């Protein structure tokens, strides 16, 4: 990152993004109860090397296994500024999840400030469904996903609804919102 940002600021701004984007615009209908009941764990990995990042992720898997009251972890990894590098690391982390025996227990979702879907242009507003203030890996419990899918027949409609919604709002709206979140949250907590 071009400027040093404290771990506290990274967490405050990511939490603001969850509340002011993910929950407010209902990108994930299952996020609001977790926010309301404070069941989201926010962690920062500020290292520069992959091996400690893999170890940190495994620590988070263990933490979630031992703490059922915590629904999920958002691991913020500011060193992964390059989206291409982020995707390569994501692939490695998904392989490590399987090797560590957590396939079917946890799943990784990906968020990045420069997120671009494989079939989209960089300027497509739909990319904002996965754009976050900082590179972030979201550890989801597979059991929670299964329950949500089984109990809600409309789950498959969420991505299309989000894409349509983000496109109607437009790229300028989402850029401004992320910029405001980073500015306001940083200014109020530093």
N, C-alpha and C. Protein backbone atom coordinates (compact mmCIF):
# COMPACT_ATOMS: atom_id res chain seq x y z
N UNK A 1 0.84 -1.17 0.00
CA UNK A 1 0.00 0.00 0.00
C UNK A 1 0.89 1.24 0.00
N UNK A 2 0.44 2.26 -0.66
CA UNK A 2 1.25 3.46 -0.81
C UNK A 2 1.42 4.21 0.51
N UNK A 3 0.47 4.12 1.42
CA UNK A 3 0.59 4.77 2.71
C UNK A 3 0.34 3.74 3.80
N UNK A 4 0.92 3.96 4.97
CA UNK A 4 0.73 3.05 6.08
C UNK A 4 -0.65 3.28 6.68
N UNK A 5 -1.40 2.23 6.80
CA UNK A 5 -2.73 2.29 7.40
C UNK A 5 -2.72 1.32 8.57
N UNK A 6 -3.22 1.76 9.71
CA UNK A 6 -3.20 0.90 10.89
C UNK A 6 -4.18 -0.26 10.72
N UNK A 7 -3.92 -1.34 11.47
CA UNK A 7 -4.83 -2.48 11.44
C UNK A 7 -6.22 -2.06 11.90
N UNK A 8 -6.28 -1.20 12.90
CA UNK A 8 -7.58 -0.73 13.40
C UNK A 8 -8.36 -0.02 12.30
N UNK A 9 -7.68 0.80 11.51
CA UNK A 9 -8.34 1.51 10.41
C UNK A 9 -8.81 0.54 9.34
N UNK A 10 -7.99 -0.45 9.01
CA UNK A 10 -8.39 -1.46 8.03
C UNK A 10 -9.67 -2.16 8.47
N UNK A 11 -9.75 -2.49 9.75
CA UNK A 11 -10.93 -3.18 10.27
C UNK A 11 -12.13 -2.25 10.28
N UNK A 12 -11.95 -1.02 10.76
CA UNK A 12 -13.07 -0.06 10.81
C UNK A 12 -13.64 0.17 9.41
N UNK A 13 -12.77 0.35 8.43
CA UNK A 13 -13.24 0.62 7.07
C UNK A 13 -13.88 -0.62 6.44
N UNK A 14 -13.34 -1.78 6.72
CA UNK A 14 -13.95 -3.01 6.19
C UNK A 14 -15.30 -3.25 6.84
N UNK A 15 -15.39 -3.03 8.14
CA UNK A 15 -16.67 -3.18 8.84
C UNK A 15 -17.69 -2.18 8.27
N UNK A 16 -17.25 -0.95 8.01
CA UNK A 16 -18.14 0.05 7.42
C UNK A 16 -18.63 -0.41 6.05
N UNK A 17 -17.76 -1.01 5.25
CA UNK A 17 -18.15 -1.54 3.94
C UNK A 17 -19.20 -2.64 4.10
N UNK A 18 -18.99 -3.54 5.06
CA UNK A 18 -19.97 -4.61 5.29
C UNK A 18 -21.33 -4.00 5.63
N UNK A 19 -21.33 -3.03 6.52
CA UNK A 19 -22.59 -2.43 6.97
C UNK A 19 -23.23 -1.53 5.91
N UNK A 20 -22.41 -0.69 5.26
CA UNK A 20 -22.94 0.33 4.35
C UNK A 20 -23.10 -0.13 2.91
N UNK A 21 -22.56 -1.28 2.58
CA UNK A 21 -22.70 -1.81 1.22
C UNK A 21 -23.36 -3.19 1.26
N UNK A 22 -22.67 -4.15 1.85
CA UNK A 22 -23.15 -5.53 1.82
C UNK A 22 -24.52 -5.66 2.47
N UNK A 23 -24.68 -5.07 3.67
CA UNK A 23 -25.96 -5.17 4.38
C UNK A 23 -26.97 -4.15 3.84
N UNK A 24 -26.57 -2.90 3.75
CA UNK A 24 -27.51 -1.85 3.32
C UNK A 24 -28.13 -2.15 1.96
N UNK A 25 -27.32 -2.62 1.02
CA UNK A 25 -27.83 -2.90 -0.32
C UNK A 25 -28.16 -4.38 -0.52
N UNK A 26 -28.15 -5.12 0.58
CA UNK A 26 -28.62 -6.50 0.61
C UNK A 26 -27.88 -7.41 -0.38
N UNK A 27 -26.58 -7.15 -0.58
CA UNK A 27 -25.80 -8.03 -1.46
C UNK A 27 -25.83 -9.47 -0.94
N UNK A 28 -25.79 -9.60 0.38
CA UNK A 28 -25.91 -10.92 1.01
C UNK A 28 -27.00 -10.83 2.06
N UNK A 29 -28.17 -11.39 1.78
CA UNK A 29 -29.28 -11.30 2.72
C UNK A 29 -29.00 -11.97 4.07
N UNK A 30 -27.96 -12.80 4.13
CA UNK A 30 -27.65 -13.52 5.35
C UNK A 30 -26.64 -12.77 6.23
N UNK A 31 -26.14 -11.64 5.75
CA UNK A 31 -25.12 -10.90 6.50
C UNK A 31 -25.71 -10.07 7.64
N UNK A 32 -26.90 -9.52 7.45
CA UNK A 32 -27.45 -8.60 8.45
C UNK A 32 -27.54 -9.21 9.85
N UNK A 33 -28.10 -10.42 10.01
CA UNK A 33 -28.16 -10.98 11.37
C UNK A 33 -26.77 -11.16 11.99
N UNK A 34 -25.79 -11.49 11.17
CA UNK A 34 -24.43 -11.67 11.69
C UNK A 34 -23.84 -10.34 12.14
N UNK A 35 -24.16 -9.26 11.43
CA UNK A 35 -23.71 -7.93 11.83
C UNK A 35 -24.42 -7.51 13.11
N UNK A 36 -25.74 -7.66 13.14
CA UNK A 36 -26.54 -7.26 14.30
C UNK A 36 -26.09 -7.98 15.56
N UNK A 37 -25.78 -9.26 15.44
CA UNK A 37 -25.39 -10.07 16.60
C UNK A 37 -23.87 -10.13 16.79
N UNK A 38 -23.14 -9.30 16.03
CA UNK A 38 -21.68 -9.20 16.15
C UNK A 38 -21.00 -10.57 16.05
N UNK A 39 -21.36 -11.32 15.01
CA UNK A 39 -20.82 -12.67 14.82
C UNK A 39 -19.80 -12.72 13.67
N UNK A 40 -19.31 -11.56 13.24
CA UNK A 40 -18.29 -11.50 12.20
C UNK A 40 -16.96 -11.14 12.85
N UNK A 41 -15.97 -11.94 12.59
CA UNK A 41 -14.62 -11.70 13.12
C UNK A 41 -13.81 -11.00 12.03
N UNK A 42 -13.20 -9.88 12.37
CA UNK A 42 -12.36 -9.12 11.44
C UNK A 42 -10.91 -9.29 11.88
N UNK A 43 -10.07 -9.76 10.97
CA UNK A 43 -8.66 -9.96 11.25
C UNK A 43 -7.83 -9.33 10.13
N UNK A 44 -6.61 -8.95 10.46
CA UNK A 44 -5.70 -8.37 9.47
C UNK A 44 -4.43 -9.21 9.43
N UNK A 45 -3.99 -9.54 8.23
CA UNK A 45 -2.67 -10.13 8.04
C UNK A 45 -1.82 -9.06 7.40
N UNK A 46 -0.85 -8.55 8.16
CA UNK A 46 -0.04 -7.45 7.64
C UNK A 46 1.35 -7.89 7.20
N UNK A 47 1.56 -9.20 7.15
CA UNK A 47 2.85 -9.71 6.68
C UNK A 47 2.99 -9.59 5.18
N UNK A 48 4.15 -10.01 4.70
CA UNK A 48 4.46 -9.90 3.27
C UNK A 48 4.68 -11.26 2.61
N UNK A 49 4.70 -12.33 3.38
CA UNK A 49 5.05 -13.65 2.84
C UNK A 49 3.86 -14.60 2.88
N UNK A 50 3.86 -15.54 1.94
CA UNK A 50 2.74 -16.46 1.80
C UNK A 50 2.66 -17.50 2.92
N UNK A 51 3.80 -18.03 3.34
CA UNK A 51 3.78 -19.08 4.35
C UNK A 51 3.08 -18.64 5.64
N UNK A 52 3.40 -17.46 6.18
CA UNK A 52 2.67 -16.99 7.36
C UNK A 52 1.19 -16.69 7.07
N UNK A 53 0.87 -16.30 5.84
CA UNK A 53 -0.53 -16.08 5.48
C UNK A 53 -1.31 -17.39 5.52
N UNK A 54 -0.72 -18.44 4.98
CA UNK A 54 -1.35 -19.76 5.02
C UNK A 54 -1.55 -20.18 6.48
N UNK A 55 -0.54 -19.96 7.31
CA UNK A 55 -0.64 -20.30 8.74
C UNK A 55 -1.74 -19.49 9.42
N UNK A 56 -1.85 -18.22 9.09
CA UNK A 56 -2.89 -17.36 9.67
C UNK A 56 -4.28 -17.87 9.28
N UNK A 57 -4.45 -18.25 8.03
CA UNK A 57 -5.74 -18.78 7.59
C UNK A 57 -6.08 -20.06 8.34
N UNK A 58 -5.10 -20.93 8.51
CA UNK A 58 -5.34 -22.17 9.26
C UNK A 58 -5.70 -21.87 10.71
N UNK A 59 -5.08 -20.84 11.30
CA UNK A 59 -5.45 -20.42 12.66
C UNK A 59 -6.91 -19.97 12.70
N UNK A 60 -7.35 -19.28 11.65
CA UNK A 60 -8.74 -18.83 11.59
C UNK A 60 -9.71 -20.00 11.45
N UNK A 61 -9.33 -21.01 10.67
CA UNK A 61 -10.17 -22.21 10.57
C UNK A 61 -10.33 -22.83 11.95
N UNK A 62 -9.21 -22.96 12.66
CA UNK A 62 -9.24 -23.55 14.00
C UNK A 62 -10.07 -22.68 14.96
N UNK A 63 -9.91 -21.38 14.86
CA UNK A 63 -10.69 -20.48 15.71
C UNK A 63 -12.19 -20.68 15.48
N UNK A 64 -12.58 -20.72 14.22
CA UNK A 64 -14.00 -20.90 13.91
C UNK A 64 -14.51 -22.26 14.37
N UNK A 65 -13.67 -23.29 14.25
CA UNK A 65 -14.07 -24.62 14.74
C UNK A 65 -14.33 -24.60 16.24
N UNK A 66 -13.54 -23.85 16.97
CA UNK A 66 -13.62 -23.83 18.43
C UNK A 66 -14.60 -22.79 18.97
N UNK A 67 -15.08 -21.90 18.12
CA UNK A 67 -15.95 -20.81 18.56
C UNK A 67 -17.20 -20.74 17.68
N UNK A 68 -18.16 -21.57 18.02
CA UNK A 68 -19.37 -21.65 17.19
C UNK A 68 -20.20 -20.37 17.21
N UNK A 69 -20.00 -19.52 18.21
CA UNK A 69 -20.74 -18.25 18.27
C UNK A 69 -20.28 -17.28 17.19
N UNK A 70 -19.10 -17.50 16.65
CA UNK A 70 -18.58 -16.66 15.57
C UNK A 70 -18.99 -17.30 14.24
N UNK A 71 -19.70 -16.56 13.42
CA UNK A 71 -20.23 -17.12 12.17
C UNK A 71 -19.19 -17.19 11.06
N UNK A 72 -18.32 -16.20 11.01
CA UNK A 72 -17.45 -16.07 9.85
C UNK A 72 -16.28 -15.16 10.16
N UNK A 73 -15.24 -15.24 9.35
CA UNK A 73 -14.08 -14.35 9.49
C UNK A 73 -13.83 -13.63 8.17
N UNK A 74 -13.56 -12.34 8.27
CA UNK A 74 -13.05 -11.57 7.14
C UNK A 74 -11.58 -11.30 7.42
N UNK A 75 -10.70 -11.88 6.61
CA UNK A 75 -9.26 -11.70 6.76
C UNK A 75 -8.79 -10.68 5.74
N UNK A 76 -8.38 -9.53 6.22
CA UNK A 76 -7.95 -8.41 5.38
C UNK A 76 -6.44 -8.56 5.14
N UNK A 77 -6.04 -8.53 3.86
CA UNK A 77 -4.64 -8.77 3.50
C UNK A 77 -4.17 -7.62 2.60
N UNK A 78 -3.77 -6.49 3.20
CA UNK A 78 -3.44 -5.31 2.40
C UNK A 78 -2.27 -5.49 1.44
N UNK A 79 -1.40 -6.46 1.68
CA UNK A 79 -0.23 -6.63 0.80
C UNK A 79 -0.62 -7.06 -0.61
N UNK A 80 -1.81 -7.58 -0.79
CA UNK A 80 -2.21 -8.12 -2.09
C UNK A 80 -2.91 -7.07 -2.94
N UNK A 81 -2.23 -5.96 -3.17
CA UNK A 81 -2.81 -4.86 -3.95
C UNK A 81 -3.11 -5.25 -5.39
N UNK A 82 -2.26 -6.06 -5.99
CA UNK A 82 -2.46 -6.50 -7.37
C UNK A 82 -3.55 -7.56 -7.42
N UNK A 83 -4.58 -7.31 -8.20
CA UNK A 83 -5.67 -8.27 -8.30
C UNK A 83 -5.19 -9.59 -8.91
N UNK A 84 -4.29 -9.53 -9.86
CA UNK A 84 -3.74 -10.74 -10.47
C UNK A 84 -3.01 -11.58 -9.41
N UNK A 85 -2.20 -10.93 -8.61
CA UNK A 85 -1.49 -11.63 -7.53
C UNK A 85 -2.49 -12.18 -6.51
N UNK A 86 -3.50 -11.39 -6.19
CA UNK A 86 -4.54 -11.81 -5.25
C UNK A 86 -5.20 -13.10 -5.72
N UNK A 87 -5.55 -13.17 -7.01
CA UNK A 87 -6.19 -14.37 -7.55
C UNK A 87 -5.27 -15.59 -7.46
N UNK A 88 -3.99 -15.38 -7.72
CA UNK A 88 -3.03 -16.48 -7.61
C UNK A 88 -2.94 -16.98 -6.17
N UNK A 89 -2.93 -16.05 -5.22
CA UNK A 89 -2.88 -16.42 -3.80
C UNK A 89 -4.19 -17.11 -3.40
N UNK A 90 -5.32 -16.61 -3.88
CA UNK A 90 -6.61 -17.25 -3.60
C UNK A 90 -6.59 -18.71 -4.04
N UNK A 91 -6.08 -18.97 -5.23
CA UNK A 91 -6.00 -20.34 -5.73
C UNK A 91 -5.13 -21.20 -4.81
N UNK A 92 -4.01 -20.67 -4.39
CA UNK A 92 -3.13 -21.38 -3.46
C UNK A 92 -3.84 -21.65 -2.13
N UNK A 93 -4.54 -20.65 -1.61
CA UNK A 93 -5.23 -20.81 -0.33
C UNK A 93 -6.36 -21.82 -0.41
N UNK A 94 -7.03 -21.87 -1.55
CA UNK A 94 -8.07 -22.88 -1.73
C UNK A 94 -7.47 -24.29 -1.75
N UNK A 95 -6.30 -24.44 -2.36
CA UNK A 95 -5.60 -25.73 -2.35
C UNK A 95 -5.17 -26.09 -0.93
N UNK A 96 -4.69 -25.11 -0.19
CA UNK A 96 -4.26 -25.34 1.20
C UNK A 96 -5.45 -25.71 2.09
N UNK A 97 -6.60 -25.10 1.84
CA UNK A 97 -7.80 -25.43 2.60
C UNK A 97 -8.10 -26.92 2.45
N UNK A 98 -8.01 -27.41 1.23
CA UNK A 98 -8.25 -28.83 0.96
C UNK A 98 -7.19 -29.70 1.63
N UNK A 99 -5.92 -29.33 1.47
CA UNK A 99 -4.81 -30.11 2.07
C UNK A 99 -4.92 -30.17 3.59
N UNK A 100 -5.40 -29.10 4.20
CA UNK A 100 -5.52 -29.04 5.66
C UNK A 100 -6.74 -29.80 6.17
N UNK A 101 -7.54 -30.34 5.25
CA UNK A 101 -8.70 -31.13 5.65
C UNK A 101 -9.95 -30.32 5.94
N UNK A 102 -10.00 -29.10 5.45
CA UNK A 102 -11.16 -28.24 5.72
C UNK A 102 -12.12 -28.11 4.54
N UNK A 103 -11.87 -28.83 3.46
CA UNK A 103 -12.81 -28.81 2.34
C UNK A 103 -14.13 -29.41 2.83
N UNK A 104 -15.22 -28.75 2.53
CA UNK A 104 -16.52 -29.20 3.02
C UNK A 104 -16.87 -28.63 4.38
N UNK A 105 -15.89 -28.04 5.06
CA UNK A 105 -16.12 -27.41 6.36
C UNK A 105 -16.17 -25.89 6.18
N UNK A 106 -15.18 -25.37 5.44
CA UNK A 106 -15.11 -23.94 5.16
C UNK A 106 -14.97 -23.71 3.67
N UNK A 107 -15.29 -22.49 3.28
CA UNK A 107 -15.18 -22.06 1.88
C UNK A 107 -14.65 -20.62 1.90
N UNK A 108 -13.86 -20.29 0.90
CA UNK A 108 -13.34 -18.93 0.79
C UNK A 108 -14.12 -18.14 -0.25
N UNK A 109 -14.55 -16.96 0.13
CA UNK A 109 -15.12 -16.01 -0.82
C UNK A 109 -14.10 -14.88 -0.96
N UNK A 110 -14.11 -14.23 -2.11
CA UNK A 110 -13.05 -13.27 -2.40
C UNK A 110 -13.59 -11.87 -2.69
N UNK A 111 -12.89 -10.89 -2.10
CA UNK A 111 -13.23 -9.48 -2.29
C UNK A 111 -11.94 -8.70 -2.46
N UNK A 112 -11.96 -7.74 -3.38
CA UNK A 112 -10.75 -6.97 -3.69
C UNK A 112 -11.17 -5.62 -4.27
N UNK A 113 -10.41 -4.56 -4.02
CA UNK A 113 -10.75 -3.24 -4.56
C UNK A 113 -10.79 -3.18 -6.09
N UNK A 114 -10.06 -4.07 -6.75
CA UNK A 114 -10.01 -4.08 -8.22
C UNK A 114 -10.68 -5.32 -8.80
N UNK A 115 -11.57 -5.92 -8.04
CA UNK A 115 -12.20 -7.18 -8.47
C UNK A 115 -12.84 -7.04 -9.85
N UNK A 116 -12.56 -8.01 -10.71
CA UNK A 116 -13.17 -8.06 -12.04
C UNK A 116 -13.55 -9.52 -12.30
N UNK A 117 -14.82 -9.75 -12.58
CA UNK A 117 -15.26 -11.10 -12.93
C UNK A 117 -14.62 -11.52 -14.25
N UNK A 118 -14.40 -12.81 -14.40
CA UNK A 118 -13.69 -13.34 -15.57
C UNK A 118 -14.32 -12.91 -16.89
N UNK A 119 -15.63 -12.79 -16.92
CA UNK A 119 -16.33 -12.47 -18.17
C UNK A 119 -16.75 -11.00 -18.26
N UNK A 120 -16.17 -10.15 -17.42
CA UNK A 120 -16.61 -8.75 -17.37
C UNK A 120 -15.48 -7.79 -17.75
N UNK A 121 -15.88 -6.60 -18.16
CA UNK A 121 -14.93 -5.51 -18.37
C UNK A 121 -14.60 -4.89 -17.01
N UNK A 122 -13.45 -4.28 -16.89
CA UNK A 122 -13.04 -3.66 -15.62
C UNK A 122 -14.01 -2.56 -15.18
N UNK A 123 -14.66 -1.91 -16.14
CA UNK A 123 -15.58 -0.81 -15.83
C UNK A 123 -17.02 -1.27 -15.58
N UNK A 124 -17.28 -2.56 -15.65
CA UNK A 124 -18.63 -3.08 -15.42
C UNK A 124 -18.99 -2.91 -13.94
N UNK A 125 -20.06 -2.22 -13.67
CA UNK A 125 -20.50 -1.98 -12.29
C UNK A 125 -20.78 -3.26 -11.53
N UNK A 126 -21.06 -4.35 -12.23
CA UNK A 126 -21.32 -5.63 -11.58
C UNK A 126 -20.14 -6.09 -10.74
N UNK A 127 -18.94 -5.66 -11.09
CA UNK A 127 -17.75 -6.03 -10.31
C UNK A 127 -17.83 -5.54 -8.87
N UNK A 128 -18.64 -4.51 -8.62
CA UNK A 128 -18.73 -3.95 -7.28
C UNK A 128 -19.44 -4.87 -6.30
N UNK A 129 -20.05 -5.94 -6.78
CA UNK A 129 -20.60 -6.92 -5.84
C UNK A 129 -19.48 -7.59 -5.06
N UNK A 130 -18.27 -7.58 -5.61
CA UNK A 130 -17.12 -8.20 -4.95
C UNK A 130 -15.96 -7.23 -4.71
N UNK A 131 -16.23 -5.94 -4.84
CA UNK A 131 -15.18 -4.95 -4.56
C UNK A 131 -15.31 -4.47 -3.12
N UNK A 132 -14.20 -4.50 -2.45
CA UNK A 132 -14.12 -4.12 -1.04
C UNK A 132 -13.04 -3.05 -0.89
N UNK A 133 -12.98 -2.40 0.27
CA UNK A 133 -11.95 -1.38 0.45
C UNK A 133 -10.53 -1.94 0.35
N UNK A 134 -10.35 -3.18 0.80
CA UNK A 134 -9.02 -3.81 0.83
C UNK A 134 -9.15 -5.27 0.40
N UNK A 135 -8.05 -5.86 -0.06
CA UNK A 135 -8.08 -7.29 -0.40
C UNK A 135 -8.51 -8.09 0.84
N UNK A 136 -9.51 -8.93 0.66
CA UNK A 136 -10.10 -9.65 1.79
C UNK A 136 -10.48 -11.06 1.38
N UNK A 137 -10.19 -12.00 2.28
CA UNK A 137 -10.65 -13.38 2.12
C UNK A 137 -11.73 -13.60 3.17
N UNK A 138 -12.87 -14.09 2.73
CA UNK A 138 -14.01 -14.32 3.61
C UNK A 138 -14.13 -15.82 3.85
N UNK A 139 -13.95 -16.23 5.10
CA UNK A 139 -14.07 -17.64 5.45
C UNK A 139 -15.51 -17.90 5.85
N UNK A 140 -16.17 -18.73 5.08
CA UNK A 140 -17.58 -19.08 5.31
C UNK A 140 -17.68 -20.51 5.83
N UNK A 141 -18.61 -20.74 6.72
CA UNK A 141 -18.89 -22.11 7.17
C UNK A 141 -19.79 -22.79 6.13
N UNK A 142 -19.34 -23.92 5.62
CA UNK A 142 -20.14 -24.65 4.63
C UNK A 142 -21.50 -25.04 5.20
N UNK A 143 -21.56 -25.43 6.46
CA UNK A 143 -22.83 -25.84 7.08
C UNK A 143 -23.83 -24.69 7.06
N UNK A 144 -23.37 -23.47 7.34
CA UNK A 144 -24.26 -22.31 7.31
C UNK A 144 -24.76 -22.04 5.90
N UNK A 145 -23.87 -22.21 4.92
CA UNK A 145 -24.28 -22.03 3.52
C UNK A 145 -25.34 -23.05 3.13
N UNK A 146 -25.13 -24.29 3.53
CA UNK A 146 -26.08 -25.35 3.18
C UNK A 146 -27.45 -25.08 3.77
N UNK A 147 -27.49 -24.64 5.02
CA UNK A 147 -28.77 -24.32 5.66
C UNK A 147 -29.45 -23.17 4.91
N UNK A 148 -28.70 -22.13 4.60
CA UNK A 148 -29.27 -20.98 3.89
C UNK A 148 -29.83 -21.39 2.54
N UNK A 149 -29.11 -22.22 1.83
CA UNK A 149 -29.56 -22.67 0.51
C UNK A 149 -30.79 -23.55 0.64
N UNK A 150 -30.78 -24.46 1.61
CA UNK A 150 -31.92 -25.37 1.79
C UNK A 150 -33.18 -24.64 2.23
N UNK A 151 -33.03 -23.58 3.00
CA UNK A 151 -34.19 -22.87 3.54
C UNK A 151 -34.70 -21.73 2.66
N UNK A 152 -33.96 -21.40 1.61
CA UNK A 152 -34.33 -20.26 0.79
C UNK A 152 -34.20 -20.61 -0.69
N UNK A 153 -35.32 -20.87 -1.32
CA UNK A 153 -35.30 -21.28 -2.72
C UNK A 153 -34.80 -20.19 -3.66
N UNK A 154 -34.79 -18.95 -3.21
CA UNK A 154 -34.40 -17.82 -4.04
C UNK A 154 -32.90 -17.52 -4.00
N UNK A 155 -32.11 -18.31 -3.28
CA UNK A 155 -30.67 -18.05 -3.14
C UNK A 155 -29.99 -17.96 -4.49
N UNK A 156 -30.38 -18.80 -5.43
CA UNK A 156 -29.74 -18.80 -6.75
C UNK A 156 -29.97 -17.49 -7.50
N UNK A 157 -30.98 -16.72 -7.10
CA UNK A 157 -31.29 -15.45 -7.76
C UNK A 157 -30.43 -14.28 -7.26
N UNK A 158 -29.72 -14.47 -6.15
CA UNK A 158 -28.97 -13.37 -5.54
C UNK A 158 -27.93 -12.77 -6.49
N UNK A 159 -27.07 -13.57 -7.12
CA UNK A 159 -26.06 -12.95 -8.00
C UNK A 159 -26.67 -12.11 -9.13
N UNK A 160 -27.69 -12.62 -9.79
CA UNK A 160 -28.32 -11.88 -10.89
C UNK A 160 -28.96 -10.59 -10.38
N UNK A 161 -29.60 -10.66 -9.22
CA UNK A 161 -30.21 -9.46 -8.63
C UNK A 161 -29.14 -8.43 -8.31
N UNK A 162 -28.03 -8.88 -7.72
CA UNK A 162 -26.95 -7.96 -7.37
C UNK A 162 -26.32 -7.32 -8.60
N UNK A 163 -26.11 -8.11 -9.64
CA UNK A 163 -25.54 -7.58 -10.88
C UNK A 163 -26.46 -6.52 -11.48
N UNK A 164 -27.73 -6.83 -11.55
CA UNK A 164 -28.70 -5.87 -12.09
C UNK A 164 -28.71 -4.59 -11.26
N UNK A 165 -28.73 -4.74 -9.94
CA UNK A 165 -28.78 -3.59 -9.05
C UNK A 165 -27.54 -2.72 -9.19
N UNK A 166 -26.35 -3.34 -9.20
CA UNK A 166 -25.12 -2.54 -9.30
C UNK A 166 -25.03 -1.83 -10.64
N UNK A 167 -25.49 -2.47 -11.68
CA UNK A 167 -25.46 -1.83 -13.01
C UNK A 167 -26.43 -0.65 -13.07
N UNK A 168 -27.58 -0.78 -12.43
CA UNK A 168 -28.53 0.34 -12.43
C UNK A 168 -27.97 1.54 -11.66
N UNK A 169 -27.23 1.30 -10.60
CA UNK A 169 -26.63 2.39 -9.83
C UNK A 169 -25.45 3.02 -10.56
N UNK A 170 -24.69 2.22 -11.27
CA UNK A 170 -23.58 2.74 -12.07
C UNK A 170 -22.24 2.79 -11.33
N UNK A 171 -21.19 2.76 -12.14
CA UNK A 171 -19.83 2.70 -11.60
C UNK A 171 -19.49 3.91 -10.73
N UNK A 172 -19.90 5.10 -11.14
CA UNK A 172 -19.56 6.32 -10.38
C UNK A 172 -20.14 6.24 -8.97
N UNK A 173 -21.37 5.76 -8.84
CA UNK A 173 -22.00 5.62 -7.52
C UNK A 173 -21.16 4.74 -6.60
N UNK A 174 -20.75 3.57 -7.11
CA UNK A 174 -20.02 2.61 -6.28
C UNK A 174 -18.61 3.10 -5.97
N UNK A 175 -17.96 3.74 -6.94
CA UNK A 175 -16.63 4.30 -6.69
C UNK A 175 -16.70 5.33 -5.57
N UNK A 176 -17.66 6.21 -5.68
CA UNK A 176 -17.82 7.27 -4.68
C UNK A 176 -18.11 6.68 -3.30
N UNK A 177 -18.97 5.68 -3.24
CA UNK A 177 -19.33 5.06 -1.97
C UNK A 177 -18.11 4.43 -1.30
N UNK A 178 -17.32 3.68 -2.06
CA UNK A 178 -16.11 3.08 -1.48
C UNK A 178 -15.11 4.14 -1.03
N UNK A 179 -14.98 5.19 -1.81
CA UNK A 179 -14.08 6.29 -1.44
C UNK A 179 -14.56 6.95 -0.15
N UNK A 180 -15.86 7.18 -0.04
CA UNK A 180 -16.42 7.79 1.17
C UNK A 180 -16.22 6.90 2.39
N UNK A 181 -16.43 5.61 2.22
CA UNK A 181 -16.24 4.68 3.33
C UNK A 181 -14.81 4.73 3.83
N UNK A 182 -13.87 4.72 2.92
CA UNK A 182 -12.46 4.77 3.33
C UNK A 182 -12.12 6.11 3.97
N UNK A 183 -12.68 7.19 3.46
CA UNK A 183 -12.40 8.51 4.02
C UNK A 183 -13.06 8.74 5.36
N UNK A 184 -14.36 8.47 5.44
CA UNK A 184 -15.12 8.71 6.67
C UNK A 184 -14.69 7.79 7.79
N UNK A 185 -14.60 6.50 7.50
CA UNK A 185 -14.25 5.55 8.55
C UNK A 185 -12.84 5.81 9.06
N UNK A 186 -11.94 6.15 8.15
CA UNK A 186 -10.57 6.44 8.57
C UNK A 186 -10.49 7.72 9.39
N UNK A 187 -11.27 8.72 8.98
CA UNK A 187 -11.23 10.01 9.67
C UNK A 187 -11.85 9.93 11.06
N UNK A 188 -12.88 9.12 11.22
CA UNK A 188 -13.57 9.07 12.50
C UNK A 188 -12.86 8.19 13.52
N UNK A 189 -12.00 7.30 13.08
CA UNK A 189 -11.40 6.35 14.02
C UNK A 189 -9.91 6.53 14.23
N UNK A 190 -9.29 7.44 13.54
CA UNK A 190 -7.83 7.62 13.71
C UNK A 190 -7.52 8.77 14.63
